[in-house]
C-alpha atoms as a PDB file:
ATOM      1  CA  UNK A   1       0.000   0.000   0.000  1.00  0.00           C
ATOM      2  CA  UNK A   2       2.802   2.397   0.923  1.00  0.00           C
ATOM      3  CA  UNK A   3       4.392   1.811  -2.508  1.00  0.00           C
ATOM      4  CA  UNK A   4       1.364   3.197  -4.352  1.00  0.00           C
ATOM      5  CA  UNK A   5      -0.106   5.738  -1.919  1.00  0.00           C
ATOM      6  CA  UNK A   6       1.885   8.894  -1.080  1.00  0.00           C
ATOM      7  CA  UNK A   7       2.927   8.892   2.563  1.00  0.00           C
ATOM      8  CA  UNK A   8       1.355  12.297   3.170  1.00  0.00           C
ATOM      9  CA  UNK A   9      -2.107  10.826   2.497  1.00  0.00           C
ATOM     10  CA  UNK A  10      -2.029   8.660   5.628  1.00  0.00           C
ATOM     11  CA  UNK A  11       0.372  10.541   7.895  1.00  0.00           C
ATOM     12  CA  UNK A  12      -0.587  14.227   7.570  1.00  0.00           C
ATOM     13  CA  UNK A  13      -3.486  15.135   9.875  1.00  0.00           C
ATOM     14  CA  UNK A  14      -4.858  17.897   7.659  1.00  0.00           C
ATOM     15  CA  UNK A  15      -4.793  15.686   4.566  1.00  0.00           C
ATOM     16  CA  UNK A  16      -6.524  12.870   6.443  1.00  0.00           C
ATOM     17  CA  UNK A  17      -9.208  15.306   7.621  1.00  0.00           C
ATOM     18  CA  UNK A  18      -9.745  16.490   4.040  1.00  0.00           C
ATOM     19  CA  UNK A  19      -9.973  12.892   2.807  1.00  0.00           C
ATOM     20  CA  UNK A  20     -12.528  11.981   5.471  1.00  0.00           C
ATOM     21  CA  UNK A  21     -14.587  15.080   4.622  1.00  0.00           C
ATOM     22  CA  UNK A  22     -14.645  14.188   0.913  1.00  0.00           C
ATOM     23  CA  UNK A  23     -15.586  10.588   1.732  1.00  0.00           C
ATOM     24  CA  UNK A  24     -18.418  11.782   3.980  1.00  0.00           C
ATOM     25  CA  UNK A  25     -19.760  14.139   1.289  1.00  0.00           C
ATOM     26  CA  UNK A  26     -19.648  11.400  -1.347  1.00  0.00           C
ATOM     27  CA  UNK A  27     -21.445   8.948   0.951  1.00  0.00           C
ATOM     28  CA  UNK A  28     -24.039  11.611   1.832  1.00  0.00           C
ATOM     29  CA  UNK A  29     -24.666  12.422  -1.844  1.00  0.00           C
ATOM     30  CA  UNK A  30     -24.998   8.756  -2.814  1.00  0.00           C
ATOM     31  CA  UNK A  31     -27.374   8.100   0.073  1.00  0.00           C
ATOM     32  CA  UNK A  32     -29.497  11.198  -0.600  1.00  0.00           C
ATOM     33  CA  UNK A  33     -29.838  10.810  -4.354  1.00  0.00           C
ATOM     34  CA  UNK A  34     -29.592   7.027  -4.582  1.00  0.00           C
ATOM     35  CA  UNK A  35     -32.437   6.467  -2.114  1.00  0.00           C
ATOM     36  CA  UNK A  36     -34.336   9.675  -2.964  1.00  0.00           C
ATOM     37  CA  UNK A  37     -33.914  11.063   0.558  1.00  0.00           C
ATOM     38  CA  UNK A  38     -33.190  14.680  -0.333  1.00  0.00           C
ATOM     39  CA  UNK A  39     -36.353  15.820   1.469  1.00  0.00           C
ATOM     40  CA  UNK A  40     -35.225  13.990   4.608  1.00  0.00           C
ATOM     41  CA  UNK A  41     -31.443  14.457   4.752  1.00  0.00           C
ATOM     42  CA  UNK A  42     -30.963  17.080   2.000  1.00  0.00           C
ATOM     43  CA  UNK A  43     -27.768  16.703  -0.066  1.00  0.00           C
ATOM     44  CA  UNK A  44     -24.346  18.350  -0.434  1.00  0.00           C
ATOM     45  CA  UNK A  45     -25.394  20.135  -3.631  1.00  0.00           C
ATOM     46  CA  UNK A  46     -28.567  21.572  -2.077  1.00  0.00           C
ATOM     47  CA  UNK A  47     -26.717  22.747   1.025  1.00  0.00           C
ATOM     48  CA  UNK A  48     -23.881  24.228  -1.037  1.00  0.00           C
ATOM     49  CA  UNK A  49     -26.321  26.151  -3.244  1.00  0.00           C
ATOM     50  CA  UNK A  50     -28.187  27.397  -0.174  1.00  0.00           C
ATOM     51  CA  UNK A  51     -24.927  28.396   1.497  1.00  0.00           C
ATOM     52  CA  UNK A  52     -23.779  30.386  -1.533  1.00  0.00           C
ATOM     53  CA  UNK A  53     -27.147  32.148  -1.670  1.00  0.00           C
ATOM     54  CA  UNK A  54     -26.933  32.970   2.035  1.00  0.00           C
ATOM     55  CA  UNK A  55     -23.392  34.336   1.775  1.00  0.00           C
ATOM     56  CA  UNK A  56     -24.270  36.492  -1.215  1.00  0.00           C
ATOM     57  CA  UNK A  57     -27.361  37.888   0.508  1.00  0.00           C
ATOM     58  CA  UNK A  58     -25.355  39.164   3.483  1.00  0.00           C
ATOM     59  CA  UNK A  59     -28.151  38.204   5.903  1.00  0.00           C
ATOM     60  CA  UNK A  60     -25.738  36.037   7.855  1.00  0.00           C
ATOM     61  CA  UNK A  61     -23.513  38.945   8.922  1.00  0.00           C
ATOM     62  CA  UNK A  62     -25.861  40.354  11.578  1.00  0.00           C
ATOM     63  CA  UNK A  63     -26.609  36.953  13.082  1.00  0.00           C
ATOM     64  CA  UNK A  64     -22.964  35.875  13.088  1.00  0.00           C
ATOM     65  CA  UNK A  65     -21.934  39.174  14.690  1.00  0.00           C
ATOM     66  CA  UNK A  66     -24.549  38.717  17.441  1.00  0.00           C
ATOM     67  CA  UNK A  67     -23.397  35.173  18.131  1.00  0.00           C
ATOM     68  CA  UNK A  68     -19.725  36.183  18.141  1.00  0.00           C
ATOM     69  CA  UNK A  69     -20.425  39.006  20.588  1.00  0.00           C
ATOM     70  CA  UNK A  70     -22.230  36.658  22.964  1.00  0.00           C
ATOM     71  CA  UNK A  71     -19.498  34.032  22.684  1.00  0.00           C
ATOM     72  CA  UNK A  72     -16.831  36.614  23.534  1.00  0.00           C
ATOM     73  CA  UNK A  73     -18.856  37.895  26.503  1.00  0.00           C
ATOM     74  CA  UNK A  74     -19.255  34.360  27.807  1.00  0.00           C
ATOM     75  CA  UNK A  75     -15.606  33.510  27.237  1.00  0.00           C
ATOM     76  CA  UNK A  76     -14.364  36.625  29.041  1.00  0.00           C
ATOM     77  CA  UNK A  77     -16.546  35.765  32.042  1.00  0.00           C
ATOM     78  CA  UNK A  78     -15.367  32.154  31.859  1.00  0.00           C
ATOM     79  CA  UNK A  79     -11.723  33.209  31.755  1.00  0.00           C
ATOM     80  CA  UNK A  80     -12.007  35.489  34.772  1.00  0.00           C
ATOM     81  CA  UNK A  81     -13.929  33.040  36.960  1.00  0.00           C
ATOM     82  CA  UNK A  82     -12.060  29.924  35.841  1.00  0.00           C
ATOM     83  CA  UNK A  83      -8.587  31.412  36.220  1.00  0.00           C
ATOM     84  CA  UNK A  84      -9.198  32.981  39.627  1.00  0.00           C
ATOM     85  CA  UNK A  85     -10.842  29.875  41.099  1.00  0.00           C
ATOM     86  CA  UNK A  86      -8.197  27.575  39.623  1.00  0.00           C
ATOM     87  CA  UNK A  87      -5.345  29.589  41.117  1.00  0.00           C
ATOM     88  CA  UNK A  88      -7.092  29.906  44.489  1.00  0.00           C
ATOM     89  CA  UNK A  89      -7.825  26.166  44.647  1.00  0.00           C
ATOM     90  CA  UNK A  90      -4.293  25.270  43.604  1.00  0.00           C
ATOM     91  CA  UNK A  91      -2.671  27.463  46.248  1.00  0.00           C
ATOM     92  CA  UNK A  92      -5.029  26.874  49.183  1.00  0.00           C
ATOM     93  CA  UNK A  93      -6.028  23.529  50.687  1.00  0.00           C
ATOM     94  CA  UNK A  94      -9.055  25.185  52.288  1.00  0.00           C
ATOM     95  CA  UNK A  95     -10.462  26.476  48.996  1.00  0.00           C
ATOM     96  CA  UNK A  96      -9.558  23.228  47.281  1.00  0.00           C
ATOM     97  CA  UNK A  97     -11.707  21.293  49.773  1.00  0.00           C
ATOM     98  CA  UNK A  98     -14.443  23.932  49.731  1.00  0.00           C
ATOM     99  CA  UNK A  99     -14.825  24.209  45.941  1.00  0.00           C
ATOM    100  CA  UNK A 100     -13.777  20.867  44.464  1.00  0.00           C
ATOM    101  CA  UNK A 101     -17.226  19.257  44.764  1.00  0.00           C
ATOM    102  CA  UNK A 102     -18.895  22.287  43.168  1.00  0.00           C
ATOM    103  CA  UNK A 103     -16.460  22.142  40.250  1.00  0.00           C
ATOM    104  CA  UNK A 104     -17.212  18.436  39.845  1.00  0.00           C
ATOM    105  CA  UNK A 105     -20.945  19.213  39.760  1.00  0.00           C
ATOM    106  CA  UNK A 106     -20.291  21.977  37.231  1.00  0.00           C
ATOM    107  CA  UNK A 107     -18.395  19.564  34.998  1.00  0.00           C
ATOM    108  CA  UNK A 108     -21.411  17.256  34.961  1.00  0.00           C
ATOM    109  CA  UNK A 109     -24.111  19.947  34.643  1.00  0.00           C
ATOM    110  CA  UNK A 110     -26.238  19.359  31.502  1.00  0.00           C
ATOM    111  CA  UNK A 111     -25.893  22.168  28.979  1.00  0.00           C
ATOM    112  CA  UNK A 112     -29.624  22.393  28.382  1.00  0.00           C
ATOM    113  CA  UNK A 113     -30.279  23.030  32.075  1.00  0.00           C
ATOM    114  CA  UNK A 114     -27.954  26.029  32.048  1.00  0.00           C
ATOM    115  CA  UNK A 115     -29.584  27.429  28.903  1.00  0.00           C
ATOM    116  CA  UNK A 116     -33.120  27.010  30.257  1.00  0.00           C
ATOM    117  CA  UNK A 117     -32.392  28.475  33.692  1.00  0.00           C
ATOM    118  CA  UNK A 118     -30.498  31.420  32.187  1.00  0.00           C
ATOM    119  CA  UNK A 119     -33.434  32.077  29.837  1.00  0.00           C
ATOM    120  CA  UNK A 120     -35.875  31.990  32.763  1.00  0.00           C
ATOM    121  CA  UNK A 121     -33.744  34.434  34.763  1.00  0.00           C
ATOM    122  CA  UNK A 122     -32.633  36.909  32.089  1.00  0.00           C
ATOM    123  CA  UNK A 123     -35.081  36.489  29.197  1.00  0.00           C
ATOM    124  CA  UNK A 124     -34.213  37.701  25.686  1.00  0.00           C
ATOM    125  CA  UNK A 125     -30.876  39.439  26.187  1.00  0.00           C
ATOM    126  CA  UNK A 126     -27.159  38.926  25.639  1.00  0.00           C
ATOM    127  CA  UNK A 127     -26.875  38.052  29.323  1.00  0.00           C
ATOM    128  CA  UNK A 128     -28.712  34.748  28.806  1.00  0.00           C
ATOM    129  CA  UNK A 129     -26.183  33.056  26.452  1.00  0.00           C
ATOM    130  CA  UNK A 130     -23.274  34.706  28.302  1.00  0.00           C
ATOM    131  CA  UNK A 131     -24.311  33.282  31.680  1.00  0.00           C
ATOM    132  CA  UNK A 132     -25.250  29.903  30.216  1.00  0.00           C
ATOM    133  CA  UNK A 133     -21.904  29.608  28.405  1.00  0.00           C
ATOM    134  CA  UNK A 134     -19.872  30.673  31.434  1.00  0.00           C
ATOM    135  CA  UNK A 135     -21.781  28.334  33.771  1.00  0.00           C
ATOM    136  CA  UNK A 136     -20.884  25.309  31.643  1.00  0.00           C
ATOM    137  CA  UNK A 137     -17.402  26.364  30.493  1.00  0.00           C
ATOM    138  CA  UNK A 138     -15.675  27.799  33.562  1.00  0.00           C
ATOM    139  CA  UNK A 139     -15.413  24.494  35.525  1.00  0.00           C
ATOM    140  CA  UNK A 140     -13.247  23.032  32.742  1.00  0.00           C
ATOM    141  CA  UNK A 141     -10.857  25.981  32.834  1.00  0.00           C
ATOM    142  CA  UNK A 142     -10.862  25.975  36.639  1.00  0.00           C
ATOM    143  CA  UNK A 143      -9.934  22.288  36.739  1.00  0.00           C
ATOM    144  CA  UNK A 144      -7.092  22.754  34.257  1.00  0.00           C
ATOM    145  CA  UNK A 145      -5.630  25.777  36.037  1.00  0.00           C
ATOM    146  CA  UNK A 146      -5.997  24.082  39.422  1.00  0.00           C
ATOM    147  CA  UNK A 147      -4.081  21.015  38.230  1.00  0.00           C
ATOM    148  CA  UNK A 148      -1.446  23.230  36.622  1.00  0.00           C
ATOM    149  CA  UNK A 149      -0.858  25.161  39.842  1.00  0.00           C
ATOM    150  CA  UNK A 150      -0.707  21.926  41.880  1.00  0.00           C
ATOM    151  CA  UNK A 151       1.906  20.499  39.514  1.00  0.00           C
ATOM    152  CA  UNK A 152       4.259  23.485  39.709  1.00  0.00           C
ATOM    153  CA  UNK A 153       7.708  22.458  40.892  1.00  0.00           C
ATOM    154  CA  UNK A 154       8.170  24.835  43.819  1.00  0.00           C
ATOM    155  CA  UNK A 155      11.715  23.572  44.323  1.00  0.00           C
ATOM    156  CA  UNK A 156      12.571  25.719  41.320  1.00  0.00           C
ATOM    157  CA  UNK A 157      11.267  28.734  43.251  1.00  0.00           C
ATOM    158  CA  UNK A 158      13.570  27.843  46.135  1.00  0.00           C
ATOM    159  CA  UNK A 159      16.466  27.473  43.710  1.00  0.00           C
ATOM    160  CA  UNK A 160      15.634  30.857  42.184  1.00  0.00           C
ATOM    161  CA  UNK A 161      15.707  32.399  45.642  1.00  0.00           C
ATOM    162  CA  UNK A 162      19.054  30.794  46.368  1.00  0.00           C
ATOM    163  CA  UNK A 163      20.499  32.378  43.225  1.00  0.00           C
ATOM    164  CA  UNK A 164      19.034  35.808  44.138  1.00  0.00           C
ATOM    165  CA  UNK A 165      16.528  35.821  41.267  1.00  0.00           C
ATOM    166  CA  UNK A 166      13.873  38.463  41.906  1.00  0.00           C
ATOM    167  CA  UNK A 167      10.499  37.141  43.058  1.00  0.00           C
ATOM    168  CA  UNK A 168       8.621  38.742  40.152  1.00  0.00           C
ATOM    169  CA  UNK A 169      11.002  37.210  37.629  1.00  0.00           C
ATOM    170  CA  UNK A 170      10.761  33.803  39.321  1.00  0.00           C
ATOM    171  CA  UNK A 171       6.947  33.930  39.294  1.00  0.00           C
ATOM    172  CA  UNK A 172       6.936  34.947  35.644  1.00  0.00           C
ATOM    173  CA  UNK A 173       9.517  32.411  34.491  1.00  0.00           C
ATOM    174  CA  UNK A 174       8.628  29.464  36.759  1.00  0.00           C
ATOM    175  CA  UNK A 175       5.008  29.566  37.910  1.00  0.00           C
ATOM    176  CA  UNK A 176       3.485  31.425  34.950  1.00  0.00           C
ATOM    177  CA  UNK A 177       5.230  29.338  32.291  1.00  0.00           C
ATOM    178  CA  UNK A 178       4.477  26.125  34.190  1.00  0.00           C
ATOM    179  CA  UNK A 179       0.749  26.870  34.415  1.00  0.00           C
ATOM    180  CA  UNK A 180       0.389  28.462  30.965  1.00  0.00           C
ATOM    181  CA  UNK A 181       0.106  25.190  28.963  1.00  0.00           C
ATOM    182  CA  UNK A 182      -2.728  23.938  31.191  1.00  0.00           C
ATOM    183  CA  UNK A 183      -4.386  27.357  31.124  1.00  0.00           C
ATOM    184  CA  UNK A 184      -4.206  27.586  27.350  1.00  0.00           C
ATOM    185  CA  UNK A 185      -5.540  24.038  26.865  1.00  0.00           C
ATOM    186  CA  UNK A 186      -8.417  24.766  29.237  1.00  0.00           C
ATOM    187  CA  UNK A 187      -9.096  28.137  27.605  1.00  0.00           C
ATOM    188  CA  UNK A 188      -9.310  26.656  24.103  1.00  0.00           C
ATOM    189  CA  UNK A 189     -11.640  23.914  25.293  1.00  0.00           C
ATOM    190  CA  UNK A 190     -13.742  26.427  27.216  1.00  0.00           C
ATOM    191  CA  UNK A 191     -13.937  28.661  24.155  1.00  0.00           C
ATOM    192  CA  UNK A 192     -15.307  25.747  22.128  1.00  0.00           C
ATOM    193  CA  UNK A 193     -17.872  25.103  24.863  1.00  0.00           C
ATOM    194  CA  UNK A 194     -18.883  28.764  24.809  1.00  0.00           C
ATOM    195  CA  UNK A 195     -19.622  28.422  21.086  1.00  0.00           C
ATOM    196  CA  UNK A 196     -21.802  25.400  21.707  1.00  0.00           C
ATOM    197  CA  UNK A 197     -23.720  26.736  24.701  1.00  0.00           C
ATOM    198  CA  UNK A 198     -24.237  30.176  23.153  1.00  0.00           C
ATOM    199  CA  UNK A 199     -25.967  28.703  20.113  1.00  0.00           C
ATOM    200  CA  UNK A 200     -27.982  26.401  22.373  1.00  0.00           C
ATOM    201  CA  UNK A 201     -29.115  29.377  24.458  1.00  0.00           C
ATOM    202  CA  UNK A 202     -30.027  31.218  21.251  1.00  0.00           C
ATOM    203  CA  UNK A 203     -32.254  28.282  20.364  1.00  0.00           C
ATOM    204  CA  UNK A 204     -34.068  28.733  23.670  1.00  0.00           C
ATOM    205  CA  UNK A 205     -34.192  32.504  24.103  1.00  0.00           C
ATOM    206  CA  UNK A 206     -32.976  34.860  21.383  1.00  0.00           C
ATOM    207  CA  UNK A 207     -34.301  36.934  18.508  1.00  0.00           C
ATOM    208  CA  UNK A 208     -31.071  36.795  16.492  1.00  0.00           C
ATOM    209  CA  UNK A 209     -27.910  34.744  16.156  1.00  0.00           C
ATOM    210  CA  UNK A 210     -26.907  31.429  14.575  1.00  0.00           C
ATOM    211  CA  UNK A 211     -28.849  29.370  17.109  1.00  0.00           C
ATOM    212  CA  UNK A 212     -31.959  31.453  16.525  1.00  0.00           C
ATOM    213  CA  UNK A 213     -31.720  30.977  12.749  1.00  0.00           C
ATOM    214  CA  UNK A 214     -31.252  27.225  13.130  1.00  0.00           C
ATOM    215  CA  UNK A 215     -34.371  27.138  15.307  1.00  0.00           C
ATOM    216  CA  UNK A 216     -36.193  29.285  12.710  1.00  0.00           C
ATOM    217  CA  UNK A 217     -35.302  26.838   9.940  1.00  0.00           C
ATOM    218  CA  UNK A 218     -36.430  23.946  12.135  1.00  0.00           C
ATOM    219  CA  UNK A 219     -39.855  25.567  12.486  1.00  0.00           C
ATOM    220  CA  UNK A 220     -39.998  25.766   8.679  1.00  0.00           C
ATOM    221  CA  UNK A 221     -39.089  22.050   8.582  1.00  0.00           C
ATOM    222  CA  UNK A 222     -36.216  22.941   6.240  1.00  0.00           C
ATOM    223  CA  UNK A 223     -33.394  20.456   6.753  1.00  0.00           C
ATOM    224  CA  UNK A 224     -31.412  22.249   4.049  1.00  0.00           C
ATOM    225  CA  UNK A 225     -31.777  25.543   5.922  1.00  0.00           C
ATOM    226  CA  UNK A 226     -30.711  23.947   9.213  1.00  0.00           C
ATOM    227  CA  UNK A 227     -27.649  22.360   7.604  1.00  0.00           C
ATOM    228  CA  UNK A 228     -26.768  25.588   5.791  1.00  0.00           C
ATOM    229  CA  UNK A 229     -26.544  27.575   9.027  1.00  0.00           C
ATOM    230  CA  UNK A 230     -24.778  24.658  10.719  1.00  0.00           C
ATOM    231  CA  UNK A 231     -22.144  24.523   7.973  1.00  0.00           C
ATOM    232  CA  UNK A 232     -21.650  28.285   8.183  1.00  0.00           C
ATOM    233  CA  UNK A 233     -21.240  28.006  11.938  1.00  0.00           C
ATOM    234  CA  UNK A 234     -18.727  25.169  11.509  1.00  0.00           C
ATOM    235  CA  UNK A 235     -16.706  27.141   8.951  1.00  0.00           C
ATOM    236  CA  UNK A 236     -16.382  30.071  11.350  1.00  0.00           C
ATOM    237  CA  UNK A 237     -15.349  27.775  14.216  1.00  0.00           C
ATOM    238  CA  UNK A 238     -12.651  26.160  12.083  1.00  0.00           C
ATOM    239  CA  UNK A 239     -11.385  29.575  10.986  1.00  0.00           C
ATOM    240  CA  UNK A 240     -11.176  30.777  14.597  1.00  0.00           C
ATOM    241  CA  UNK A 241      -9.516  27.529  15.718  1.00  0.00           C
ATOM    242  CA  UNK A 242      -6.892  27.197  12.988  1.00  0.00           C
ATOM    243  CA  UNK A 243      -6.581  30.780  11.824  1.00  0.00           C
ATOM    244  CA  UNK A 244      -6.490  32.517  15.212  1.00  0.00           C
ATOM    245  CA  UNK A 245      -6.171  30.284  18.278  1.00  0.00           C
ATOM    246  CA  UNK A 246      -3.532  27.926  16.905  1.00  0.00           C
ATOM    247  CA  UNK A 247      -1.482  30.867  15.620  1.00  0.00           C
ATOM    248  CA  UNK A 248      -1.627  32.501  19.051  1.00  0.00           C
ATOM    249  CA  UNK A 249      -0.586  29.218  20.646  1.00  0.00           C
ATOM    250  CA  UNK A 250       2.403  28.909  18.323  1.00  0.00           C
ATOM    251  CA  UNK A 251       3.564  32.399  19.246  1.00  0.00           C
ATOM    252  CA  UNK A 252       2.990  31.920  22.973  1.00  0.00           C
ATOM    253  CA  UNK A 253       4.923  28.649  23.063  1.00  0.00           C
ATOM    254  CA  UNK A 254       7.633  29.584  20.576  1.00  0.00           C
ATOM    255  CA  UNK A 255      10.090  29.555  23.502  1.00  0.00           C
ATOM    256  CA  UNK A 256       9.476  25.806  23.917  1.00  0.00           C
ATOM    257  CA  UNK A 257      10.664  25.068  20.409  1.00  0.00           C
ATOM    258  CA  UNK A 258      13.704  27.295  20.879  1.00  0.00           C
ATOM    259  CA  UNK A 259      14.520  25.516  24.155  1.00  0.00           C
ATOM    260  CA  UNK A 260      14.174  22.067  22.558  1.00  0.00           C
ATOM    261  CA  UNK A 261      16.418  23.098  19.664  1.00  0.00           C
ATOM    262  CA  UNK A 262      18.961  24.463  22.136  1.00  0.00           C
ATOM    263  CA  UNK A 263      18.927  21.261  24.181  1.00  0.00           C
ATOM    264  CA  UNK A 264      19.285  19.094  21.072  1.00  0.00           C
ATOM    265  CA  UNK A 265      22.096  21.278  19.823  1.00  0.00           C
ATOM    266  CA  UNK A 266      23.859  21.074  23.184  1.00  0.00           C
ATOM    267  CA  UNK A 267      23.494  17.324  23.210  1.00  0.00           C
END
């Protein structure tokens, strides 16, 4: 097999993802048209045509902007709460014992519950998806930061003190860089959760946004419309993930690569 198939086709993650996407679209098209199920599951051609029409109309801009705003609000709240609680729990046995069970409950809290309760409390406003997203997302960031703080090697702090390294520099170079990978992993995961919960909350209580438009298309019983807005939503998520978040991560952790190269060169 390896003699006939280029290695990149089964070793490169991006190529494999593209291959799986093409295979899924082909299977979907064969199933839809071969069994005459276009009214039930739509088809790639119908969704693509609908997506092009939507993009050209410009109607999606307002709804995407509303969803993005709510996601950012929820993520900012998640970041503040999750980071503070994670650091507090990691540095204090009292707060670790006091909050750990609540974080565990938060990790298991059903997303729909948060969306419904937030809608009942705040009604049709940006606060509803923001609170719902933060309520589900912050426990994941808290848990990551907490574990990162607990795993810090404080012997390095003692060594820094012995070599007269300033406390601020030691905190920045030892504690901050030790916790940063866990924080960033938790933040990216929490950001993805904020996307999901925001659109869910828009399904329940909103007059605009991607979730609202998906719910609107569901009321019309238009599977093509639902899939069109879902594909648009997915495209934006992938752009944010690969075009923004991964680029930020590469810049933030560029020092790791430099360190590894230095160690290999020294060896």
